[in-house]
Protein backbone atom coordinates (compact mmCIF):
# COMPACT_ATOMS: atom_id res chain seq x y z
CA MET A 1 157.39 -208.56 -150.80
CA PRO A 2 155.71 -205.28 -149.86
CA ASP A 3 152.85 -203.61 -151.90
CA ILE A 4 154.46 -200.41 -153.32
CA ILE A 5 152.88 -197.31 -154.94
CA VAL A 6 155.30 -194.74 -156.35
CA ILE A 7 154.25 -191.15 -156.11
CA ALA A 8 156.32 -189.07 -158.71
CA HIS A 9 155.69 -185.49 -157.70
CA ASN A 10 156.97 -182.52 -159.68
CA ILE A 11 159.41 -184.49 -161.84
CA ARG A 12 160.24 -182.32 -164.80
CA SER A 13 161.88 -184.75 -167.23
CA THR A 14 159.92 -187.17 -169.39
CA HIS A 15 162.97 -189.32 -169.64
CA ASN A 16 162.98 -189.58 -165.82
CA VAL A 17 159.37 -190.44 -165.74
CA GLY A 18 159.88 -193.09 -168.48
CA ALA A 19 162.81 -194.60 -166.42
CA ILE A 20 160.68 -194.55 -163.31
CA PHE A 21 157.91 -196.40 -165.11
CA ARG A 22 160.49 -199.11 -166.30
CA SER A 23 162.00 -199.55 -162.89
CA SER A 24 158.62 -199.72 -161.23
CA GLU A 25 157.47 -202.46 -163.66
CA GLY A 26 160.72 -204.41 -162.99
CA PHE A 27 160.17 -204.32 -159.28
CA GLY A 28 156.44 -205.06 -159.30
CA VAL A 29 155.23 -201.71 -158.21
CA SER A 30 151.25 -201.87 -158.07
CA LYS A 31 150.80 -198.28 -159.19
CA ILE A 32 152.37 -194.98 -160.08
CA ILE A 33 150.75 -191.68 -159.02
CA LEU A 34 152.10 -188.77 -161.16
CA SER A 35 151.36 -185.51 -159.59
CA GLY A 36 152.02 -181.75 -159.69
CA TYR A 37 153.74 -180.79 -163.00
CA THR A 38 155.05 -184.30 -163.58
CA PRO A 39 154.46 -185.17 -167.32
CA TYR A 40 152.19 -188.25 -167.82
CA PRO A 41 151.21 -190.51 -170.63
CA HIS A 42 147.85 -190.19 -172.40
CA VAL A 43 144.91 -190.89 -170.31
CA GLN A 44 141.22 -191.62 -171.15
CA ASP A 45 139.42 -188.33 -171.42
CA ASP A 46 142.72 -186.53 -171.52
CA PRO A 47 142.19 -182.82 -170.75
CA ARG A 48 145.48 -181.80 -172.74
CA LEU A 49 145.42 -180.86 -176.35
CA PRO A 50 146.14 -183.85 -178.48
CA HIS A 51 149.52 -182.74 -179.78
CA ILE A 52 150.75 -182.12 -176.18
CA PHE A 53 149.66 -185.56 -174.81
CA ARG A 54 151.07 -187.33 -177.92
CA LYS A 55 154.45 -185.47 -177.63
CA LEU A 56 154.68 -186.30 -173.82
CA THR A 57 153.52 -189.90 -174.33
CA ASP A 58 156.13 -190.51 -177.13
CA GLN A 59 158.85 -188.97 -174.99
CA ILE A 60 158.00 -191.05 -171.89
CA HIS A 61 157.76 -194.11 -174.11
CA LYS A 62 161.49 -193.70 -175.28
CA SER A 63 162.70 -194.65 -171.75
CA ALA A 64 159.76 -196.60 -170.53
CA LEU A 65 159.85 -198.89 -173.57
CA GLY A 66 156.14 -200.04 -172.98
CA ALA A 67 156.21 -200.15 -169.13
CA GLU A 68 153.82 -197.07 -169.20
CA GLU A 69 151.26 -199.61 -170.77
CA ILE A 70 151.90 -202.19 -168.06
CA VAL A 71 152.05 -200.40 -164.75
CA PRO A 72 148.75 -198.85 -163.74
CA PHE A 73 148.93 -195.00 -163.25
CA GLU A 74 146.92 -192.04 -162.47
CA TYR A 75 147.46 -188.32 -162.53
CA GLN A 76 146.52 -186.15 -159.50
CA GLU A 77 147.25 -182.50 -159.13
CA LEU A 78 148.26 -183.23 -155.60
CA PRO A 79 148.68 -186.83 -154.35
CA ASP A 80 145.89 -187.77 -152.07
CA ILE A 81 148.08 -188.92 -149.17
CA ASP A 82 145.12 -189.14 -146.76
CA ARG A 83 143.46 -191.78 -148.91
CA LEU A 84 146.67 -193.69 -149.05
CA LYS A 85 147.29 -193.63 -145.26
CA LYS A 86 143.59 -194.69 -144.77
CA ALA A 87 144.25 -197.65 -147.11
CA GLY A 88 147.12 -198.64 -144.80
CA TYR A 89 150.11 -197.34 -146.79
CA THR A 90 153.05 -195.88 -144.88
CA VAL A 91 154.23 -192.82 -146.74
CA VAL A 92 158.10 -192.98 -147.25
CA GLY A 93 159.86 -189.97 -148.86
CA LEU A 94 163.11 -190.58 -150.56
CA GLU A 95 165.14 -187.58 -149.55
CA GLN A 96 168.30 -186.54 -147.93
CA ASP A 97 167.23 -185.03 -144.60
CA GLU A 98 168.51 -184.86 -141.07
CA ARG A 99 165.50 -187.19 -140.15
CA SER A 100 166.21 -189.71 -142.95
CA ASN A 101 166.92 -193.29 -142.17
CA MET A 102 169.67 -194.74 -144.17
CA LEU A 103 168.27 -197.06 -146.74
CA PRO A 104 170.26 -200.15 -145.76
CA ASN A 105 169.13 -199.81 -142.14
CA TYR A 106 165.38 -199.34 -143.04
CA HIS A 107 162.91 -202.03 -142.42
CA PRO A 108 160.14 -201.54 -144.81
CA PRO A 109 156.45 -202.00 -143.85
CA GLU A 110 154.07 -204.20 -145.90
CA LYS A 111 152.43 -201.29 -147.77
CA ILE A 112 154.61 -198.37 -149.01
CA ALA A 113 153.83 -195.34 -150.94
CA LEU A 114 157.31 -194.07 -152.02
CA LEU A 115 157.23 -190.32 -152.52
CA LEU A 116 159.84 -188.96 -155.08
CA GLY A 117 160.46 -185.25 -155.46
CA GLU A 118 161.71 -182.75 -158.00
CA GLU A 119 165.08 -183.53 -159.73
CA VAL A 120 166.98 -180.50 -158.14
CA LYS A 121 165.20 -179.42 -155.05
CA GLY A 122 163.79 -182.88 -153.95
CA ILE A 123 160.65 -183.22 -151.85
CA THR A 124 159.21 -179.82 -150.63
CA ASP A 125 159.05 -179.18 -146.98
CA ASP A 126 155.22 -179.41 -146.95
CA MET A 127 155.36 -182.77 -148.66
CA ARG A 128 158.10 -184.11 -146.18
CA ASP A 129 155.88 -183.07 -143.40
CA VAL A 130 153.20 -185.59 -144.56
CA CYS A 131 155.65 -188.40 -144.91
CA ASP A 132 155.63 -191.15 -142.10
CA ASP A 133 159.30 -191.96 -142.82
CA LEU A 134 162.15 -190.59 -144.82
CA ILE A 135 164.79 -192.66 -146.37
CA GLU A 136 168.20 -191.70 -147.81
CA ILE A 137 170.66 -193.59 -150.10
CA PRO A 138 174.11 -193.37 -148.69
CA MET A 139 176.50 -191.55 -150.92
CA VAL A 140 180.30 -192.13 -151.18
CA GLY A 141 181.26 -190.18 -154.10
CA LYS A 142 181.77 -186.47 -154.61
CA LYS A 143 178.24 -185.85 -156.13
CA GLU A 144 175.48 -184.79 -153.80
CA SER A 145 172.90 -187.18 -155.08
CA PHE A 146 171.81 -189.57 -157.64
CA ASN A 147 169.44 -188.85 -160.54
CA VAL A 148 165.75 -189.33 -159.46
CA SER A 149 165.15 -192.24 -161.74
CA VAL A 150 168.37 -194.01 -160.57
CA ALA A 151 167.49 -193.40 -157.05
CA THR A 152 164.09 -194.83 -157.51
CA GLY A 153 165.66 -197.98 -159.01
CA ILE A 154 168.09 -198.29 -155.95
CA ALA A 155 165.28 -197.73 -153.34
CA LEU A 156 162.95 -200.13 -155.06
CA TYR A 157 165.60 -202.87 -155.12
CA ALA A 158 166.38 -202.18 -151.44
CA LEU A 159 162.70 -202.14 -150.50
CA THR A 160 161.87 -205.37 -152.34
CA SER A 161 164.93 -207.41 -151.30
């Protein structure tokens, strides 16, 4: 099974963040990096006001159900992609793009940093450019995409099977 780090960049919803924690725990993700404006649970020496970090932590907990206390995580304003690559991780963006490999055809490497993007606009062009690979979940319905937390669970299942 590959070593997977999830990078949740610019995710707006605390409920999506909580669900990403829960799926990540279930699939054995080694760490989550929360970045950009993604809400994150309370951290030691939290720079946010207490009423803010308490509210966000409580909201994340509603869907994480304790996974936020199990899966190691850190907050970074911008994910340190260079550090991950130097540590041997392949940065894999989960995004619909003409360059994307369809998830069922993708052969995952041993160390993956799975990059997730904003709920509506996805991964920004500048962040796509730093990805080593892009993967896409095939869609057969009429909707354009899955919810980011659902897509994370689907991708993690495929990458760990």
